PDB file of N, CA and C in Angstrom:
ATOM      1  N   MET A   1      45.517  39.998 126.210  1.00  0.00           N
ATOM      2  CA  MET A   1      45.991  41.359 126.854  1.00  0.00           C
ATOM      3  C   MET A   1      45.095  41.929 128.409  1.00  0.00           C
ATOM      4  N   ASP A   2      45.623  42.358 129.362  1.00  0.00           N
ATOM      5  CA  ASP A   2      44.750  42.598 130.117  1.00  0.00           C
ATOM      6  C   ASP A   2      44.466  43.815 129.940  1.00  0.00           C
ATOM      7  N   TYR A   3      43.691  44.662 129.349  1.00  0.00           N
ATOM      8  CA  TYR A   3      43.927  45.949 129.409  1.00  0.00           C
ATOM      9  C   TYR A   3      43.240  46.671 130.323  1.00  0.00           C
ATOM     10  N   ARG A   4      42.254  46.068 130.608  1.00  0.00           N
ATOM     11  CA  ARG A   4      42.002  47.171 131.867  1.00  0.00           C
ATOM     12  C   ARG A   4      43.257  46.947 133.172  1.00  0.00           C
ATOM     13  N   HIS A   5      43.761  46.126 132.897  1.00  0.00           N
ATOM     14  CA  HIS A   5      45.396  46.322 133.955  1.00  0.00           C
ATOM     15  C   HIS A   5      45.946  47.692 133.720  1.00  0.00           C
ATOM     16  N   VAL A   6      46.210  47.563 132.341  1.00  0.00           N
ATOM     17  CA  VAL A   6      46.940  48.857 131.645  1.00  0.00           C
ATOM     18  C   VAL A   6      46.395  49.992 132.063  1.00  0.00           C
ATOM     19  N   MET A   7      45.184  50.122 132.255  1.00  0.00           N
ATOM     20  CA  MET A   7      44.465  51.030 132.072  1.00  0.00           C
ATOM     21  C   MET A   7      44.712  51.805 132.641  1.00  0.00           C
ATOM     22  N   GLU A   8      44.776  51.343 133.912  1.00  0.00           N
ATOM     23  CA  GLU A   8      44.064  51.137 135.585  1.00  0.00           C
ATOM     24  C   GLU A   8      45.324  52.077 135.782  1.00  0.00           C
ATOM     25  N   GLN A   9      46.666  51.238 135.981  1.00  0.00           N
ATOM     26  CA  GLN A   9      48.104  51.786 135.869  1.00  0.00           C
ATOM     27  C   GLN A   9      47.784  53.227 134.865  1.00  0.00           C
ATOM     28  N   VAL A  10      47.777  53.519 134.357  1.00  0.00           N
ATOM     29  CA  VAL A  10      47.781  54.609 133.377  1.00  0.00           C
ATOM     30  C   VAL A  10      46.833  55.645 133.142  1.00  0.00           C
ATOM     31  N   MET A  11      45.923  55.220 133.783  1.00  0.00           N
ATOM     32  CA  MET A  11      45.810  56.301 134.914  1.00  0.00           C
ATOM     33  C   MET A  11      46.091  56.755 136.539  1.00  0.00           C
ATOM     34  N   SER A  12      46.801  56.002 137.042  1.00  0.00           N
ATOM     35  CA  SER A  12      47.199  56.003 138.313  1.00  0.00           C
ATOM     36  C   SER A  12      48.504  56.909 138.029  1.00  0.00           C
ATOM     37  N   ASP A  13      48.900  56.525 136.545  1.00  0.00           N
ATOM     38  CA  ASP A  13      50.130  57.457 136.684  1.00  0.00           C
ATOM     39  C   ASP A  13      49.717  58.646 136.507  1.00  0.00           C
ATOM     40  N   MET A  14      48.929  59.053 135.718  1.00  0.00           N
ATOM     41  CA  MET A  14      48.618  59.765 135.436  1.00  0.00           C
ATOM     42  C   MET A  14      48.184  61.096 135.961  1.00  0.00           C
ATOM     43  N   ALA A  15      47.032  60.677 137.416  1.00  0.00           N
ATOM     44  CA  ALA A  15      46.255  61.303 137.941  1.00  0.00           C
ATOM     45  C   ALA A  15      46.853  62.433 138.961  1.00  0.00           C
ATOM     46  N   PRO A  16      48.306  62.487 139.147  1.00  0.00           N
ATOM     47  CA  PRO A  16      49.295  63.878 138.980  1.00  0.00           C
ATOM     48  C   PRO A  16      49.059  65.035 138.370  1.00  0.00           C
ATOM     49  N   HIS A  17      49.028  64.215 137.315  1.00  0.00           N
ATOM     50  CA  HIS A  17      49.453  65.363 135.998  1.00  0.00           C
ATOM     51  C   HIS A  17      47.969  65.869 135.182  1.00  0.00           C
ATOM     52  N   ILE A  18      46.594  66.008 135.858  1.00  0.00           N
ATOM     53  CA  ILE A  18      45.833  66.132 135.574  1.00  0.00           C
ATOM     54  C   ILE A  18      45.461  67.557 135.511  1.00  0.00           C
ATOM     55  N   GLY A  19      45.157  68.350 134.765  1.00  0.00           N
ATOM     56  CA  GLY A  19      45.206  69.654 134.336  1.00  0.00           C
ATOM     57  C   GLY A  19      45.905  70.149 134.678  1.00  0.00           C
ATOM     58  N   ASP A  20      46.796  69.579 134.214  1.00  0.00           N
ATOM     59  CA  ASP A  20      48.276  70.821 134.004  1.00  0.00           C
ATOM     60  C   ASP A  20      48.075  71.183 132.719  1.00  0.00           C
ATOM     61  N   GLY A  21      48.997  71.842 131.989  1.00  0.00           N
ATOM     62  CA  GLY A  21      48.434  72.234 130.607  1.00  0.00           C
ATOM     63  C   GLY A  21      47.306  73.146 130.275  1.00  0.00           C
ATOM     64  N   ASN A  22      47.015  72.974 128.823  1.00  0.00           N
ATOM     65  CA  ASN A  22      46.457  74.168 128.300  1.00  0.00           C
ATOM     66  C   ASN A  22      44.998  73.406 127.707  1.00  0.00           C
ATOM     67  N   VAL A  23      44.321  73.770 128.094  1.00  0.00           N
ATOM     68  CA  VAL A  23      43.565  72.976 126.986  1.00  0.00           C
ATOM     69  C   VAL A  23      43.119  73.528 125.254  1.00  0.00           C
ATOM     70  N   ALA A  24      43.473  73.130 124.654  1.00  0.00           N
ATOM     71  CA  ALA A  24      43.769  73.049 122.915  1.00  0.00           C
ATOM     72  C   ALA A  24      42.295  74.210 122.218  1.00  0.00           C
ATOM     73  N   ASP A  25      43.224  75.190 122.372  1.00  0.00           N
ATOM     74  CA  ASP A  25      41.763  76.948 122.363  1.00  0.00           C
ATOM     75  C   ASP A  25      41.628  77.126 120.479  1.00  0.00           C
ATOM     76  N   TYR A  26      42.374  75.974 119.632  1.00  0.00           N
ATOM     77  CA  TYR A  26      42.522  76.958 118.316  1.00  0.00           C
ATOM     78  C   TYR A  26      41.198  76.369 118.164  1.00  0.00           C
ATOM     79  N   ILE A  27      39.930  74.889 118.142  1.00  0.00           N
ATOM     80  CA  ILE A  27      38.489  74.286 118.058  1.00  0.00           C
ATOM     81  C   ILE A  27      37.751  74.928 119.662  1.00  0.00           C
ATOM     82  N   PRO A  28      37.000  76.291 119.337  1.00  0.00           N
ATOM     83  CA  PRO A  28      36.531  76.656 120.196  1.00  0.00           C
ATOM     84  C   PRO A  28      35.538  75.503 121.101  1.00  0.00           C
ATOM     85  N   ASP A  29      34.834  74.481 120.637  1.00  0.00           N
ATOM     86  CA  ASP A  29      34.688  73.498 121.522  1.00  0.00           C
ATOM     87  C   ASP A  29      35.203  72.910 122.384  1.00  0.00           C
ATOM     88  N   LEU A  30      36.515  72.672 122.009  1.00  0.00           N
ATOM     89  CA  LEU A  30      38.038  72.640 123.044  1.00  0.00           C
ATOM     90  C   LEU A  30      38.128  73.304 124.094  1.00  0.00           C
ATOM     91  N   ALA A  31      38.015  74.664 123.313  1.00  0.00           N
ATOM     92  CA  ALA A  31      38.402  75.912 124.418  1.00  0.00           C
ATOM     93  C   ALA A  31      38.016  75.293 126.060  1.00  0.00           C
ATOM     94  N   ARG A  32      36.348  74.846 125.422  1.00  0.00           N
ATOM     95  CA  ARG A  32      35.827  74.703 126.625  1.00  0.00           C
ATOM     96  C   ARG A  32      35.783  73.797 127.454  1.00  0.00           C
ATOM     97  N   VAL A  33      36.696  73.173 127.008  1.00  0.00           N
ATOM     98  CA  VAL A  33      36.923  71.676 127.920  1.00  0.00           C
ATOM     99  C   VAL A  33      37.600  71.988 129.751  1.00  0.00           C
ATOM    100  N   ASP A  34      37.105  71.473 129.947  1.00  0.00           N
ATOM    101  CA  ASP A  34      36.905  71.397 131.980  1.00  0.00           C
ATOM    102  C   ASP A  34      38.500  70.325 131.280  1.00  0.00           C
ATOM    103  N   PRO A  35      39.616  71.339 131.990  1.00  0.00           N
ATOM    104  CA  PRO A  35      41.364  70.431 131.659  1.00  0.00           C
ATOM    105  C   PRO A  35      41.313  69.680 133.381  1.00  0.00           C
ATOM    106  N   ASN A  36      40.317  69.247 133.993  1.00  0.00           N
ATOM    107  CA  ASN A  36      40.931  68.717 134.860  1.00  0.00           C
ATOM    108  C   ASN A  36      40.401  67.132 134.498  1.00  0.00           C
ATOM    109  N   GLN A  37      39.612  67.027 133.154  1.00  0.00           N
ATOM    110  CA  GLN A  37      38.971  66.075 132.235  1.00  0.00           C
ATOM    111  C   GLN A  37      39.663  65.169 131.786  1.00  0.00           C
ATOM    112  N   PHE A  38      40.448  63.869 132.223  1.00  0.00           N
ATOM    113  CA  PHE A  38      41.398  62.688 131.580  1.00  0.00           C
ATOM    114  C   PHE A  38      39.996  61.420 131.930  1.00  0.00           C
ATOM    115  N   GLY A  39      40.400  61.078 130.314  1.00  0.00           N
ATOM    116  CA  GLY A  39      40.452  59.881 129.744  1.00  0.00           C
ATOM    117  C   GLY A  39      40.431  59.043 128.399  1.00  0.00           C
ATOM    118  N   PHE A  40      40.485  57.704 128.191  1.00  0.00           N
ATOM    119  CA  PHE A  40      40.830  57.361 126.755  1.00  0.00           C
ATOM    120  C   PHE A  40      40.122  56.211 126.650  1.00  0.00           C
ATOM    121  N   ILE A  41      40.161  55.708 124.906  1.00  0.00           N
ATOM    122  CA  ILE A  41      38.939  54.443 125.215  1.00  0.00           C
ATOM    123  C   ILE A  41      40.450  53.678 124.353  1.00  0.00           C
ATOM    124  N   VAL A  42      40.457  52.276 124.505  1.00  0.00           N
ATOM    125  CA  VAL A  42      41.123  51.424 122.878  1.00  0.00           C
ATOM    126  C   VAL A  42      40.262  50.245 123.026  1.00  0.00           C
ATOM    127  N   ALA A  43      40.423  50.516 122.034  1.00  0.00           N
ATOM    128  CA  ALA A  43      39.268  49.511 120.972  1.00  0.00           C
ATOM    129  C   ALA A  43      40.380  47.955 120.341  1.00  0.00           C
ATOM    130  N   THR A  44      40.079  47.214 120.804  1.00  0.00           N
ATOM    131  CA  THR A  44      40.754  46.189 119.473  1.00  0.00           C
ATOM    132  C   THR A  44      39.598  45.727 118.567  1.00  0.00           C
ATOM    133  N   VAL A  45      40.804  45.573 117.473  1.00  0.00           N
ATOM    134  CA  VAL A  45      40.167  44.800 116.160  1.00  0.00           C
ATOM    135  C   VAL A  45      39.484  43.235 115.950  1.00  0.00           C
ATOM    136  N   ASP A  46      38.854  43.709 117.175  1.00  0.00           N
ATOM    137  CA  ASP A  46      37.946  42.356 117.469  1.00  0.00           C
ATOM    138  C   ASP A  46      36.785  42.618 117.891  1.00  0.00           C
ATOM    139  N   GLY A  47      36.355  43.786 117.980  1.00  0.00           N
ATOM    140  CA  GLY A  47      35.760  44.540 118.380  1.00  0.00           C
ATOM    141  C   GLY A  47      35.759  44.855 119.979  1.00  0.00           C
ATOM    142  N   GLN A  48      36.451  44.446 120.834  1.00  0.00           N
ATOM    143  CA  GLN A  48      36.482  44.879 122.645  1.00  0.00           C
ATOM    144  C   GLN A  48      36.368  46.724 122.766  1.00  0.00           C
ATOM    145  N   VAL A  49      36.000  47.227 122.997  1.00  0.00           N
ATOM    146  CA  VAL A  49      35.857  48.225 123.647  1.00  0.00           C
ATOM    147  C   VAL A  49      36.267  48.746 125.225  1.00  0.00           C
ATOM    148  N   PHE A  50      37.356  49.384 125.873  1.00  0.00           N
ATOM    149  CA  PHE A  50      37.543  49.734 126.790  1.00  0.00           C
ATOM    150  C   PHE A  50      37.698  51.421 127.477  1.00  0.00           C
ATOM    151  N   SER A  51      36.804  51.764 128.235  1.00  0.00           N
ATOM    152  CA  SER A  51      37.413  53.194 128.845  1.00  0.00           C
ATOM    153  C   SER A  51      37.948  53.670 130.276  1.00  0.00           C
ATOM    154  N   ALA A  52      38.103  53.535 130.502  1.00  0.00           N
ATOM    155  CA  ALA A  52      38.898  54.521 131.436  1.00  0.00           C
ATOM    156  C   ALA A  52      38.929  56.555 131.500  1.00  0.00           C
ATOM    157  N   GLY A  53      38.522  56.599 132.971  1.00  0.00           N
ATOM    158  CA  GLY A  53      38.276  57.917 133.743  1.00  0.00           C
ATOM    159  C   GLY A  53      37.259  58.569 132.545  1.00  0.00           C
ATOM    160  N   ASP A  54      37.171  59.506 132.244  1.00  0.00           N
ATOM    161  CA  ASP A  54      36.204  60.751 131.755  1.00  0.00           C
ATOM    162  C   ASP A  54      36.061  60.348 130.084  1.00  0.00           C
ATOM    163  N   ALA A  55      36.345  59.039 129.472  1.00  0.00           N
ATOM    164  CA  ALA A  55      36.046  59.017 127.892  1.00  0.00           C
ATOM    165  C   ALA A  55      34.656  58.710 127.325  1.00  0.00           C
ATOM    166  N   HIS A  56      33.959  58.826 128.445  1.00  0.00           N
ATOM    167  CA  HIS A  56      32.561  58.949 128.042  1.00  0.00           C
ATOM    168  C   HIS A  56      31.859  60.205 127.932  1.00  0.00           C
ATOM    169  N   ILE A  57      32.806  61.665 128.250  1.00  0.00           N
ATOM    170  CA  ILE A  57      32.153  62.992 128.567  1.00  0.00           C
ATOM    171  C   ILE A  57      31.818  63.095 126.547  1.00  0.00           C
ATOM    172  N   LEU A  58      30.320  63.863 126.181  1.00  0.00           N
ATOM    173  CA  LEU A  58      30.204  63.614 125.126  1.00  0.00           C
ATOM    174  C   LEU A  58      30.219  62.310 123.810  1.00  0.00           C
ATOM    175  N   GLY A  59      29.837  61.185 124.478  1.00  0.00           N
ATOM    176  CA  GLY A  59      29.689  60.313 123.506  1.00  0.00           C
ATOM    177  C   GLY A  59      30.730  59.831 122.944  1.00  0.00           C
ATOM    178  N   ALA A  60      31.477  60.145 123.088  1.00  0.00           N
ATOM    179  CA  ALA A  60      33.374  59.495 123.011  1.00  0.00           C
ATOM    180  C   ALA A  60      33.479  57.545 123.346  1.00  0.00           C
ATOM    181  N   ASP A  61      32.687  57.256 123.957  1.00  0.00           N
ATOM    182  CA  ASP A  61      32.706  56.026 123.728  1.00  0.00           C
ATOM    183  C   ASP A  61      31.928  55.463 122.543  1.00  0.00           C
ATOM    184  N   SER A  62      30.839  55.283 122.576  1.00  0.00           N
ATOM    185  CA  SER A  62      30.582  55.144 120.842  1.00  0.00           C
ATOM    186  C   SER A  62      30.568  55.420 120.187  1.00  0.00           C
ATOM    187  N   ASN A  63      31.534  57.044 119.614  1.00  0.00           N
ATOM    188  CA  ASN A  63      31.971  57.562 118.198  1.00  0.00           C
ATOM    189  C   ASN A  63      33.200  56.390 117.784  1.00  0.00           C
ATOM    190  N   HIS A  64      33.760  56.080 119.541  1.00  0.00           N
ATOM    191  CA  HIS A  64      35.411  55.579 119.343  1.00  0.00           C
ATOM    192  C   HIS A  64      34.743  54.092 119.235  1.00  0.00           C
ATOM    193  N   ALA A  65      33.853  54.003 119.853  1.00  0.00           N
ATOM    194  CA  ALA A  65      33.392  52.524 118.863  1.00  0.00           C
ATOM    195  C   ALA A  65      32.900  52.152 117.647  1.00  0.00           C
ATOM    196  N   ARG A  66      32.298  52.889 117.412  1.00  0.00           N
ATOM    197  CA  ARG A  66      31.831  52.811 115.757  1.00  0.00           C
ATOM    198  C   ARG A  66      33.015  52.528 115.170  1.00  0.00           C
ATOM    199  N   HIS A  67      33.913  53.367 114.975  1.00  0.00           N
ATOM    200  CA  HIS A  67      35.657  53.882 114.476  1.00  0.00           C
ATOM    201  C   HIS A  67      36.441  52.741 115.064  1.00  0.00           C
ATOM    202  N   GLY A  68      35.954  51.698 115.532  1.00  0.00           N
ATOM    203  CA  GLY A  68      36.873  50.852 115.775  1.00  0.00           C
ATOM    204  C   GLY A  68      36.417  49.821 115.049  1.00  0.00           C
ATOM    205  N   GLY A  69      34.683  49.488 114.721  1.00  0.00           N
ATOM    206  CA  GLY A  69      34.076  48.630 114.164  1.00  0.00           C
ATOM    207  C   GLY A  69      34.329  48.609 112.477  1.00  0.00           C
ATOM    208  N   ALA A  70      34.420  50.257 112.143  1.00  0.00           N
ATOM    209  CA  ALA A  70      34.899  50.168 111.026  1.00  0.00           C
ATOM    210  C   ALA A  70      36.643  50.093 110.534  1.00  0.00           C
ATOM    211  N   LEU A  71      37.194  50.276 111.609  1.00  0.00           N
ATOM    212  CA  LEU A  71      38.289  49.434 111.315  1.00  0.00           C
ATOM    213  C   LEU A  71      38.827  48.098 110.933  1.00  0.00           C
ATOM    214  N   GLU A  72      38.047  47.018 112.337  1.00  0.00           N
ATOM    215  CA  GLU A  72      37.163  45.828 112.254  1.00  0.00           C
ATOM    216  C   GLU A  72      36.636  45.251 110.799  1.00  0.00           C
ATOM    217  N   ASN A  73      36.432  46.070 109.875  1.00  0.00           N
ATOM    218  CA  ASN A  73      35.734  45.460 108.869  1.00  0.00           C
ATOM    219  C   ASN A  73      36.602  46.116 108.309  1.00  0.00           C
ATOM    220  N   PHE A  74      37.486  47.305 108.104  1.00  0.00           N
ATOM    221  CA  PHE A  74      38.647  47.428 107.327  1.00  0.00           C
ATOM    222  C   PHE A  74      40.011  46.182 106.762  1.00  0.00           C
ATOM    223  N   ALA A  75      39.649  45.584 108.187  1.00  0.00           N
ATOM    224  CA  ALA A  75      40.499  44.463 108.004  1.00  0.00           C
ATOM    225  C   ALA A  75      40.050  43.355 107.926  1.00  0.00           C
ATOM    226  N   GLN A  76      38.958  43.153 107.546  1.00  0.00           N
ATOM    227  CA  GLN A  76      38.737  41.679 107.842  1.00  0.00           C
ATOM    228  C   GLN A  76      38.513  42.267 105.891  1.00  0.00           C
ATOM    229  N   THR A  77      38.362  43.004 104.928  1.00  0.00           N
ATOM    230  CA  THR A  77      38.367  42.675 103.470  1.00  0.00           C
ATOM    231  C   THR A  77      39.409  42.814 103.422  1.00  0.00           C
ATOM    232  N   GLY A  78      40.942  43.152 103.880  1.00  0.00           N
ATOM    233  CA  GLY A  78      42.052  43.254 103.026  1.00  0.00           C
ATOM    234  C   GLY A  78      42.924  44.223 102.935  1.00  0.00           C
ATOM    235  N   GLY A  79      42.219  45.556 103.909  1.00  0.00           N
ATOM    236  CA  GLY A  79      42.458  46.894 103.906  1.00  0.00           C
ATOM    237  C   GLY A  79      44.157  47.134 104.372  1.00  0.00           C
ATOM    238  N   PHE A  80      44.142  46.524 105.596  1.00  0.00           N
ATOM    239  CA  PHE A  80      45.849  45.594 105.801  1.00  0.00           C
ATOM    240  C   PHE A  80      46.275  45.072 107.555  1.00  0.00           C
ATOM    241  N   SER A  81      47.188  44.598 106.991  1.00  0.00           N
ATOM    242  CA  SER A  81      47.466  43.072 107.675  1.00  0.00           C
ATOM    243  C   SER A  81      48.034  43.740 109.769  1.00  0.00           C
ATOM    244  N   ILE A  82      47.406  43.488 109.800  1.00  0.00           N
ATOM    245  CA  ILE A  82      47.525  43.695 112.171  1.00  0.00           C
ATOM    246  C   ILE A  82      48.699  42.586 112.202  1.00  0.00           C
ATOM    247  N   PHE A  83      50.109  43.270 112.701  1.00  0.00           N
ATOM    248  CA  PHE A  83      50.344  42.002 112.961  1.00  0.00           C
ATOM    249  C   PHE A  83      50.541  41.589 114.559  1.00  0.00           C
TER     250      PHE A  83
END
């Protein structure tokens, strides 16, 4: 799958909506987030990590990459099946 292309399409589709709505304010750190930021990460079970937009803010790339690695290890040890 061409993840980068799909992510570029999502970014393009979401561009007109960035800044709409409200940030979550029930967690103080989230209340301080700039509502004009948007980003996301896709981590595959084979260890690939793709990011788009503002996903790099606050080290999200590395945190999600570590979680992706943990999920991969979990899957390899028989923790769950990937269809």
